[in-house]
Amino acid sequence: MTAEQSEILVHPLLYSPAVPAWVGRRRDMPCLGKPPWYIDRDPLPGGIMTETERPSALTGHTQVREAEDFDSVYMQGLPPWDIGRPQPAFAELAERGLLAGRVLDAGCGTGEHTLMAAALGLEATGFDVAATAIAIANTKARDRGLEARFLQLNALVLSSLGEQFDTVLDCGLFHSLGDDDRSRFVRELRASMPVGGHYYMLCFSDRQAGDWGPRRIRQEEIRDSFAEGWTVDSIQPAKIDITIDPHQAEAWLAAIRLVTSLPSNAPSGQ
């Protein structure tokens, strides 16, 4: 699979006033006293959506969706996880100076965390399987005058880039993967990071009530997934901001460090 920057035009529904009420609409304006990556967000009118009114894209938390499914969500409008700014947990990492070297935003969506890293002067790359999301991310980078690279790429062939990344951010990718794909993704990460590299992951927590949204993740699952070749430095309770009621979801913020590289004879993507 060749990773190339997408030239796909942004679907007109993304900025149409006729999109459903659960979809958000961004207003890119500077905010005094806020970091350079902070973007205000105006919700569309229509009130708060109840759990039974959630679109089908948010239900079935045990389902693993295909690339076309994710792309169709972006083509319908701005999905609930696209808040138009970095997640506060990742913004705090940036403020603490924990982003360093070559930064990779895994499952970048429309690129807010990639652009956050770029605004700090770091070499930033974001990838996502959804072509429409990548097209929007490229537009954001141009509009904000930031230099960042966005690739349409499946996470399960990450090592096909043949590159190494010192810091990897993952908001919402890990918890979207099934068990087999999860272990394969971890191997792809291990092949794409140097020893000492840091992987910061924000995922839905098993503390989150209800069955809407993505699969819930237990701390033990995280530790088991990164048991070989990694050190789990910390797993802390956190929040994931979303654009719909209840506006935040219970999450885990995991800080994980690579301690041994993938053996040269080990297949990364099988």
C-alpha atoms as a PDB file:
ATOM      1  CA  MET A   1       0.000   0.000   0.000  1.00  0.00           C
ATOM      2  CA  THR A   2       1.455   3.328  -1.009  1.00  0.00           C
ATOM      3  CA  ALA A   3       1.041   6.208   1.437  1.00  0.00           C
ATOM      4  CA  GLU A   4       0.355   9.385  -0.468  1.00  0.00           C
ATOM      5  CA  GLN A   5      -1.111  12.703   0.502  1.00  0.00           C
ATOM      6  CA  SER A   6      -4.757  12.884  -0.397  1.00  0.00           C
ATOM      7  CA  GLU A   7      -5.966  15.411  -2.964  1.00  0.00           C
ATOM      8  CA  ILE A   8      -9.634  14.554  -2.476  1.00  0.00           C
ATOM      9  CA  LEU A   9     -11.895  17.604  -2.244  1.00  0.00           C
ATOM     10  CA  VAL A  10     -13.783  18.252   0.984  1.00  0.00           C
ATOM     11  CA  HIS A  11     -17.341  16.960   0.692  1.00  0.00           C
ATOM     12  CA  PRO A  12     -19.798  19.910   0.677  1.00  0.00           C
ATOM     13  CA  LEU A  13     -21.910  18.382   3.453  1.00  0.00           C
ATOM     14  CA  LEU A  14     -19.055  18.986   5.858  1.00  0.00           C
ATOM     15  CA  TYR A  15     -19.799  22.687   5.903  1.00  0.00           C
ATOM     16  CA  SER A  16     -23.471  22.627   4.993  1.00  0.00           C
ATOM     17  CA  PRO A  17     -26.014  24.156   7.406  1.00  0.00           C
ATOM     18  CA  ALA A  18     -28.305  21.250   6.559  1.00  0.00           C
ATOM     19  CA  VAL A  19     -26.247  18.594   8.351  1.00  0.00           C
ATOM     20  CA  PRO A  20     -27.945  16.742  11.248  1.00  0.00           C
ATOM     21  CA  ALA A  21     -28.118  18.366  14.685  1.00  0.00           C
ATOM     22  CA  TRP A  22     -25.611  15.933  16.213  1.00  0.00           C
ATOM     23  CA  VAL A  23     -22.890  17.231  13.902  1.00  0.00           C
ATOM     24  CA  GLY A  24     -20.672  20.110  15.037  1.00  0.00           C
ATOM     25  CA  ARG A  25     -19.447  23.059  13.018  1.00  0.00           C
ATOM     26  CA  ARG A  26     -16.075  24.751  13.626  1.00  0.00           C
ATOM     27  CA  ARG A  27     -15.263  28.411  13.750  1.00  0.00           C
ATOM     28  CA  ASP A  28     -11.510  28.946  13.258  1.00  0.00           C
ATOM     29  CA  MET A  29     -10.782  32.122  15.202  1.00  0.00           C
ATOM     30  CA  PRO A  30      -7.833  33.105  17.411  1.00  0.00           C
ATOM     31  CA  CYS A  31      -8.494  32.996  21.153  1.00  0.00           C
ATOM     32  CA  LEU A  32      -6.672  35.337  23.520  1.00  0.00           C
ATOM     33  CA  GLY A  33      -4.782  33.522  26.227  1.00  0.00           C
ATOM     34  CA  LYS A  34      -5.132  30.104  24.549  1.00  0.00           C
ATOM     35  CA  PRO A  35      -2.366  27.941  23.054  1.00  0.00           C
ATOM     36  CA  PRO A  36      -1.787  28.369  19.294  1.00  0.00           C
ATOM     37  CA  TRP A  37      -3.508  25.067  18.515  1.00  0.00           C
ATOM     38  CA  TYR A  38      -6.748  25.917  20.377  1.00  0.00           C
ATOM     39  CA  ILE A  39      -9.816  26.313  18.155  1.00  0.00           C
ATOM     40  CA  ASP A  40     -13.201  27.496  19.409  1.00  0.00           C
ATOM     41  CA  ARG A  41     -16.210  25.420  18.408  1.00  0.00           C
ATOM     42  CA  ASP A  42     -19.827  26.436  17.865  1.00  0.00           C
ATOM     43  CA  PRO A  43     -22.421  23.665  18.075  1.00  0.00           C
ATOM     44  CA  LEU A  44     -25.213  23.590  15.546  1.00  0.00           C
ATOM     45  CA  PRO A  45     -28.693  24.299  16.910  1.00  0.00           C
ATOM     46  CA  GLY A  46     -30.902  21.358  17.695  1.00  0.00           C
ATOM     47  CA  GLY A  47     -30.437  20.703  21.401  1.00  0.00           C
ATOM     48  CA  ILE A  48     -28.826  17.815  23.232  1.00  0.00           C
ATOM     49  CA  MET A  49     -29.143  14.390  21.699  1.00  0.00           C
ATOM     50  CA  THR A  50     -30.235  11.562  23.952  1.00  0.00           C
ATOM     51  CA  GLU A  51     -28.609   8.128  23.874  1.00  0.00           C
ATOM     52  CA  THR A  52     -31.513   6.628  21.898  1.00  0.00           C
ATOM     53  CA  GLU A  53     -31.151   9.361  19.271  1.00  0.00           C
ATOM     54  CA  ARG A  54     -27.491   8.682  18.583  1.00  0.00           C
ATOM     55  CA  PRO A  55     -26.652   7.965  14.938  1.00  0.00           C
ATOM     56  CA  SER A  56     -25.777   4.435  13.907  1.00  0.00           C
ATOM     57  CA  ALA A  57     -22.116   5.433  13.628  1.00  0.00           C
ATOM     58  CA  LEU A  58     -21.996   5.601  17.430  1.00  0.00           C
ATOM     59  CA  THR A  59     -23.679   2.310  18.254  1.00  0.00           C
ATOM     60  CA  GLY A  60     -22.410  -1.235  18.359  1.00  0.00           C
ATOM     61  CA  HIS A  61     -19.293  -0.669  20.433  1.00  0.00           C
ATOM     62  CA  THR A  62     -17.963  -4.155  19.748  1.00  0.00           C
ATOM     63  CA  GLN A  63     -18.070  -3.726  15.973  1.00  0.00           C
ATOM     64  CA  VAL A  64     -14.873  -3.075  14.050  1.00  0.00           C
ATOM     65  CA  ARG A  65     -15.737  -0.757  11.192  1.00  0.00           C
ATOM     66  CA  GLU A  66     -14.157  -0.798   7.755  1.00  0.00           C
ATOM     67  CA  ALA A  67     -12.388   2.145   6.131  1.00  0.00           C
ATOM     68  CA  GLU A  68     -15.454   2.978   4.061  1.00  0.00           C
ATOM     69  CA  ASP A  69     -17.557   3.171   7.219  1.00  0.00           C
ATOM     70  CA  PHE A  70     -15.263   5.730   8.830  1.00  0.00           C
ATOM     71  CA  ASP A  71     -15.083   7.752   5.634  1.00  0.00           C
ATOM     72  CA  SER A  72     -18.859   7.819   5.301  1.00  0.00           C
ATOM     73  CA  VAL A  73     -19.147   9.272   8.815  1.00  0.00           C
ATOM     74  CA  TYR A  74     -16.917  12.194   7.807  1.00  0.00           C
ATOM     75  CA  MET A  75     -18.857  12.655   4.584  1.00  0.00           C
ATOM     76  CA  GLN A  76     -22.117  12.957   6.523  1.00  0.00           C
ATOM     77  CA  GLY A  77     -20.690  15.715   8.705  1.00  0.00           C
ATOM     78  CA  LEU A  78     -18.342  16.230  11.626  1.00  0.00           C
ATOM     79  CA  PRO A  79     -18.357  13.097  13.812  1.00  0.00           C
ATOM     80  CA  PRO A  80     -18.760  13.347  17.596  1.00  0.00           C
ATOM     81  CA  TRP A  81     -15.062  12.747  18.253  1.00  0.00           C
ATOM     82  CA  ASP A  82     -14.040  15.647  16.000  1.00  0.00           C
ATOM     83  CA  ILE A  83     -14.120  18.451  18.575  1.00  0.00           C
ATOM     84  CA  GLY A  84     -12.157  20.963  16.487  1.00  0.00           C
ATOM     85  CA  ARG A  85      -9.247  21.225  18.942  1.00  0.00           C
ATOM     86  CA  PRO A  86      -6.815  18.870  20.677  1.00  0.00           C
ATOM     87  CA  GLN A  87      -8.116  16.663  23.431  1.00  0.00           C
ATOM     88  CA  PRO A  88      -7.280  18.331  26.788  1.00  0.00           C
ATOM     89  CA  ALA A  89      -5.276  15.288  27.905  1.00  0.00           C
ATOM     90  CA  PHE A  90      -2.994  15.585  24.867  1.00  0.00           C
ATOM     91  CA  ALA A  91      -2.836  19.387  25.100  1.00  0.00           C
ATOM     92  CA  GLU A  92      -1.501  18.926  28.638  1.00  0.00           C
ATOM     93  CA  LEU A  93       1.203  16.578  27.338  1.00  0.00           C
ATOM     94  CA  ALA A  94       2.254  19.293  24.900  1.00  0.00           C
ATOM     95  CA  GLU A  95       2.264  21.944  27.601  1.00  0.00           C
ATOM     96  CA  ARG A  96       4.496  19.708  29.737  1.00  0.00           C
ATOM     97  CA  GLY A  97       6.981  19.398  26.888  1.00  0.00           C
ATOM     98  CA  LEU A  98       6.463  15.663  26.461  1.00  0.00           C
ATOM     99  CA  LEU A  99       6.150  15.775  22.681  1.00  0.00           C
ATOM    100  CA  ALA A 100       9.590  15.473  21.136  1.00  0.00           C
ATOM    101  CA  GLY A 101      11.388  14.481  17.957  1.00  0.00           C
ATOM    102  CA  ARG A 102       9.378  13.174  15.023  1.00  0.00           C
ATOM    103  CA  VAL A 103       5.728  13.048  16.046  1.00  0.00           C
ATOM    104  CA  LEU A 104       3.161  10.646  14.590  1.00  0.00           C
ATOM    105  CA  ASP A 105      -0.572  11.108  15.105  1.00  0.00           C
ATOM    106  CA  ALA A 106      -2.054   7.631  14.624  1.00  0.00           C
ATOM    107  CA  GLY A 107      -5.641   7.704  13.395  1.00  0.00           C
ATOM    108  CA  CYS A 108      -5.378  11.474  13.155  1.00  0.00           C
ATOM    109  CA  GLY A 109      -8.879  12.209  11.881  1.00  0.00           C
ATOM    110  CA  THR A 110      -8.956  15.826  10.750  1.00  0.00           C
ATOM    111  CA  GLY A 111      -5.524  16.458  12.223  1.00  0.00           C
ATOM    112  CA  GLU A 112      -5.846  18.512  15.399  1.00  0.00           C
ATOM    113  CA  HIS A 113      -3.100  16.684  17.291  1.00  0.00           C
ATOM    114  CA  THR A 114      -0.803  16.665  14.276  1.00  0.00           C
ATOM    115  CA  LEU A 115      -1.289  20.409  13.906  1.00  0.00           C
ATOM    116  CA  MET A 116      -0.728  20.904  17.633  1.00  0.00           C
ATOM    117  CA  ALA A 117       2.691  19.279  17.248  1.00  0.00           C
ATOM    118  CA  ALA A 118       3.414  21.288  14.106  1.00  0.00           C
ATOM    119  CA  ALA A 119       2.549  24.521  15.940  1.00  0.00           C
ATOM    120  CA  LEU A 120       5.271  23.608  18.439  1.00  0.00           C
ATOM    121  CA  GLY A 121       7.803  23.437  15.613  1.00  0.00           C
ATOM    122  CA  LEU A 122       7.989  19.646  15.594  1.00  0.00           C
ATOM    123  CA  GLU A 123       8.115  17.442  12.505  1.00  0.00           C
ATOM    124  CA  ALA A 124       4.570  16.124  12.512  1.00  0.00           C
ATOM    125  CA  THR A 125       2.869  13.397  10.493  1.00  0.00           C
ATOM    126  CA  GLY A 126      -0.717  12.238  10.804  1.00  0.00           C
ATOM    127  CA  PHE A 127      -2.363   9.262   9.160  1.00  0.00           C
ATOM    128  CA  ASP A 128      -5.907   8.021   8.943  1.00  0.00           C
ATOM    129  CA  VAL A 129      -7.746   5.412   6.922  1.00  0.00           C
ATOM    130  CA  ALA A 130     -10.519   7.906   6.029  1.00  0.00           C
ATOM    131  CA  ALA A 131      -9.710   9.865   2.869  1.00  0.00           C
ATOM    132  CA  THR A 132     -12.204  12.621   3.661  1.00  0.00           C
ATOM    133  CA  ALA A 133     -10.625  13.232   7.068  1.00  0.00           C
ATOM    134  CA  ILE A 134      -7.191  13.521   5.456  1.00  0.00           C
ATOM    135  CA  ALA A 135      -8.505  16.010   2.908  1.00  0.00           C
ATOM    136  CA  ILE A 136      -9.897  18.175   5.718  1.00  0.00           C
ATOM    137  CA  ALA A 137      -6.624  17.922   7.655  1.00  0.00           C
ATOM    138  CA  ASN A 138      -4.645  19.117   4.638  1.00  0.00           C
ATOM    139  CA  THR A 139      -7.035  22.055   4.269  1.00  0.00           C
ATOM    140  CA  LYS A 140      -6.612  22.967   7.941  1.00  0.00           C
ATOM    141  CA  ALA A 141      -2.827  22.926   7.630  1.00  0.00           C
ATOM    142  CA  ARG A 142      -2.954  25.266   4.636  1.00  0.00           C
ATOM    143  CA  ASP A 143      -5.463  27.588   6.303  1.00  0.00           C
ATOM    144  CA  ARG A 144      -3.385  27.823   9.485  1.00  0.00           C
ATOM    145  CA  GLY A 145      -0.059  28.162   7.702  1.00  0.00           C
ATOM    146  CA  LEU A 146       1.374  25.081   9.393  1.00  0.00           C
ATOM    147  CA  GLU A 147       3.708  22.513   7.867  1.00  0.00           C
ATOM    148  CA  ALA A 148       2.449  19.009   8.512  1.00  0.00           C
ATOM    149  CA  ARG A 149       2.224  15.802   6.521  1.00  0.00           C
ATOM    150  CA  PHE A 150      -1.036  13.868   6.269  1.00  0.00           C
ATOM    151  CA  LEU A 151      -1.271  10.383   4.804  1.00  0.00           C
ATOM    152  CA  GLN A 152      -4.149   8.082   4.000  1.00  0.00           C
ATOM    153  CA  LEU A 153      -2.893   4.845   5.522  1.00  0.00           C
ATOM    154  CA  ASN A 154      -4.166   1.753   7.296  1.00  0.00           C
ATOM    155  CA  ALA A 155      -2.642   1.425  10.778  1.00  0.00           C
ATOM    156  CA  LEU A 156      -2.020  -2.269  10.172  1.00  0.00           C
ATOM    157  CA  VAL A 157       0.606  -1.474   7.523  1.00  0.00           C
ATOM    158  CA  LEU A 158       2.276   1.401   9.373  1.00  0.00           C
ATOM    159  CA  SER A 159       5.742  -0.127   9.002  1.00  0.00           C
ATOM    160  CA  SER A 160       5.376   0.075   5.216  1.00  0.00           C
ATOM    161  CA  LEU A 161       6.377   3.738   5.565  1.00  0.00           C
ATOM    162  CA  GLY A 162       9.867   2.587   6.547  1.00  0.00           C
ATOM    163  CA  GLU A 163      10.152   5.471   9.024  1.00  0.00           C
ATOM    164  CA  GLN A 164      10.805   5.900  12.737  1.00  0.00           C
ATOM    165  CA  PHE A 165       8.820   8.185  15.041  1.00  0.00           C
ATOM    166  CA  ASP A 166       9.961   9.327  18.479  1.00  0.00           C
ATOM    167  CA  THR A 167       6.520  10.225  19.809  1.00  0.00           C
ATOM    168  CA  VAL A 168       3.252   8.597  18.797  1.00  0.00           C
ATOM    169  CA  LEU A 169      -0.146   9.984  19.783  1.00  0.00           C
ATOM    170  CA  ASP A 170      -3.242   7.811  19.565  1.00  0.00           C
ATOM    171  CA  CYS A 171      -6.661   9.151  20.413  1.00  0.00           C
ATOM    172  CA  GLY A 172      -9.343   6.624  19.556  1.00  0.00           C
ATOM    173  CA  LEU A 173      -7.469   4.249  17.264  1.00  0.00           C
ATOM    174  CA  PHE A 174      -6.527   1.514  19.736  1.00  0.00           C
ATOM    175  CA  HIS A 175     -10.060   1.167  21.095  1.00  0.00           C
ATOM    176  CA  SER A 176     -11.481   0.781  17.579  1.00  0.00           C
ATOM    177  CA  LEU A 177      -9.443  -2.362  16.857  1.00  0.00           C
ATOM    178  CA  GLY A 178     -10.425  -5.978  17.400  1.00  0.00           C
ATOM    179  CA  ASP A 179      -8.149  -8.320  19.337  1.00  0.00           C
ATOM    180  CA  ASP A 180      -6.185  -9.648  16.350  1.00  0.00           C
ATOM    181  CA  ASP A 181      -5.797  -6.234  14.754  1.00  0.00           C
ATOM    182  CA  ARG A 182      -4.765  -4.761  18.085  1.00  0.00           C
ATOM    183  CA  SER A 183      -1.797  -7.107  18.467  1.00  0.00           C
ATOM    184  CA  ARG A 184      -0.824  -6.508  14.857  1.00  0.00           C
ATOM    185  CA  PHE A 185      -0.985  -2.741  15.367  1.00  0.00           C
ATOM    186  CA  VAL A 186       1.286  -2.999  18.414  1.00  0.00           C
ATOM    187  CA  ARG A 187       3.846  -4.890  16.313  1.00  0.00           C
ATOM    188  CA  GLU A 188       3.584  -2.235  13.599  1.00  0.00           C
ATOM    189  CA  LEU A 189       4.224   0.436  16.221  1.00  0.00           C
ATOM    190  CA  ARG A 190       7.215  -1.442  17.570  1.00  0.00           C
ATOM    191  CA  ALA A 191       8.692  -1.613  14.069  1.00  0.00           C
ATOM    192  CA  SER A 192       8.133   2.114  13.552  1.00  0.00           C
ATOM    193  CA  MET A 193       9.636   3.550  16.746  1.00  0.00           C
ATOM    194  CA  PRO A 194      13.167   3.710  18.150  1.00  0.00           C
ATOM    195  CA  VAL A 195      14.015   2.281  21.548  1.00  0.00           C
ATOM    196  CA  GLY A 196      13.096   4.966  24.060  1.00  0.00           C
ATOM    197  CA  GLY A 197      10.238   6.253  21.927  1.00  0.00           C
ATOM    198  CA  HIS A 198       6.995   7.181  23.648  1.00  0.00           C
ATOM    199  CA  TYR A 199       3.455   6.126  22.757  1.00  0.00           C
ATOM    200  CA  TYR A 200       0.642   8.110  24.377  1.00  0.00           C
ATOM    201  CA  MET A 201      -2.770   6.550  24.034  1.00  0.00           C
ATOM    202  CA  LEU A 202      -6.204   7.914  24.944  1.00  0.00           C
ATOM    203  CA  CYS A 203      -9.004   5.351  24.813  1.00  0.00           C
ATOM    204  CA  PHE A 204     -12.501   4.705  26.117  1.00  0.00           C
ATOM    205  CA  SER A 205     -12.399   3.238  29.609  1.00  0.00           C
ATOM    206  CA  ASP A 206     -14.416   0.405  31.090  1.00  0.00           C
ATOM    207  CA  ARG A 207     -15.528   3.000  33.656  1.00  0.00           C
ATOM    208  CA  GLN A 208     -17.774   4.566  30.996  1.00  0.00           C
ATOM    209  CA  ALA A 209     -21.406   3.580  31.477  1.00  0.00           C
ATOM    210  CA  GLY A 210     -23.712   2.541  28.639  1.00  0.00           C
ATOM    211  CA  ASP A 211     -23.038   0.602  25.445  1.00  0.00           C
ATOM    212  CA  TRP A 212     -22.858   3.463  22.954  1.00  0.00           C
ATOM    213  CA  GLY A 213     -19.646   4.449  21.239  1.00  0.00           C
ATOM    214  CA  PRO A 214     -16.499   2.328  20.885  1.00  0.00           C
ATOM    215  CA  ARG A 215     -15.369  -0.721  22.778  1.00  0.00           C
ATOM    216  CA  ARG A 216     -14.446  -0.151  26.413  1.00  0.00           C
ATOM    217  CA  ILE A 217     -10.873  -0.953  27.385  1.00  0.00           C
ATOM    218  CA  ARG A 218      -9.665  -2.330  30.722  1.00  0.00           C
ATOM    219  CA  GLN A 219      -6.268  -1.427  32.158  1.00  0.00           C
ATOM    220  CA  GLU A 220      -5.312  -5.081  32.027  1.00  0.00           C
ATOM    221  CA  GLU A 221      -5.932  -5.167  28.270  1.00  0.00           C
ATOM    222  CA  ILE A 222      -3.527  -2.287  27.768  1.00  0.00           C
ATOM    223  CA  ARG A 223      -0.836  -3.900  29.902  1.00  0.00           C
ATOM    224  CA  ASP A 224      -1.278  -7.262  28.189  1.00  0.00           C
ATOM    225  CA  SER A 225      -1.101  -5.701  24.718  1.00  0.00           C
ATOM    226  CA  PHE A 226       2.200  -3.988  25.542  1.00  0.00           C
ATOM    227  CA  ALA A 227       3.741  -6.737  27.669  1.00  0.00           C
ATOM    228  CA  GLU A 228       6.519  -7.623  25.210  1.00  0.00           C
ATOM    229  CA  GLY A 229       9.156  -5.028  24.377  1.00  0.00           C
ATOM    230  CA  TRP A 230       7.408  -2.148  26.142  1.00  0.00           C
ATOM    231  CA  THR A 231       7.186  -0.541  29.560  1.00  0.00           C
ATOM    232  CA  VAL A 232       3.828   0.859  30.618  1.00  0.00           C
ATOM    233  CA  ASP A 233       4.938   3.903  32.588  1.00  0.00           C
ATOM    234  CA  SER A 234       1.453   4.944  33.655  1.00  0.00           C
ATOM    235  CA  ILE A 235      -2.266   4.502  33.022  1.00  0.00           C
ATOM    236  CA  GLN A 236      -4.296   7.360  34.422  1.00  0.00           C
ATOM    237  CA  PRO A 237      -8.025   8.153  34.461  1.00  0.00           C
ATOM    238  CA  ALA A 238      -8.821  10.844  31.906  1.00  0.00           C
ATOM    239  CA  LYS A 239     -11.631  12.221  29.762  1.00  0.00           C
ATOM    240  CA  ILE A 240     -12.298  12.240  26.037  1.00  0.00           C
ATOM    241  CA  ASP A 241     -14.225  15.320  24.972  1.00  0.00           C
ATOM    242  CA  ILE A 242     -17.031  14.710  22.479  1.00  0.00           C
ATOM    243  CA  THR A 243     -19.550  16.998  20.809  1.00  0.00           C
ATOM    244  CA  ILE A 244     -22.681  15.254  22.077  1.00  0.00           C
ATOM    245  CA  ASP A 245     -24.285  14.640  25.439  1.00  0.00           C
ATOM    246  CA  PRO A 246     -22.665  13.851  27.890  1.00  0.00           C
ATOM    247  CA  HIS A 247     -19.857  15.874  26.180  1.00  0.00           C
ATOM    248  CA  GLN A 248     -17.154  13.830  27.883  1.00  0.00           C
ATOM    249  CA  ALA A 249     -16.434  10.118  28.099  1.00  0.00           C
ATOM    250  CA  GLU A 250     -14.428   8.253  30.709  1.00  0.00           C
ATOM    251  CA  ALA A 251     -11.021   7.329  29.324  1.00  0.00           C
ATOM    252  CA  TRP A 252      -7.575   5.982  30.107  1.00  0.00           C
ATOM    253  CA  LEU A 253      -4.461   7.976  29.275  1.00  0.00           C
ATOM    254  CA  ALA A 254      -1.592   5.511  28.903  1.00  0.00           C
ATOM    255  CA  ALA A 255       2.082   6.484  28.679  1.00  0.00           C
ATOM    256  CA  ILE A 256       4.029   3.596  27.157  1.00  0.00           C
ATOM    257  CA  ARG A 257       7.723   3.430  26.272  1.00  0.00           C
ATOM    258  CA  LEU A 258       9.492   1.113  23.824  1.00  0.00           C
ATOM    259  CA  VAL A 259      12.384  -0.690  25.521  1.00  0.00           C
ATOM    260  CA  THR A 260      13.381  -3.296  22.930  1.00  0.00           C
ATOM    261  CA  SER A 261      13.010  -3.108  19.176  1.00  0.00           C
ATOM    262  CA  LEU A 262      11.211  -5.734  17.116  1.00  0.00           C
ATOM    263  CA  PRO A 263      13.606  -8.603  16.281  1.00  0.00           C
ATOM    264  CA  SER A 264      14.796  -8.383  12.690  1.00  0.00           C
ATOM    265  CA  ASN A 265      13.378 -11.813  11.900  1.00  0.00           C
ATOM    266  CA  ALA A 266       9.949 -11.070  13.365  1.00  0.00           C
ATOM    267  CA  PRO A 267       7.165 -10.235  10.876  1.00  0.00           C
ATOM    268  CA  SER A 268       5.716  -6.839  11.829  1.00  0.00           C
ATOM    269  CA  GLY A 269       2.432  -7.070  10.016  1.00  0.00           C
ATOM    270  CA  GLN A 270       1.441 -10.712  10.234  1.00  0.00           C
END
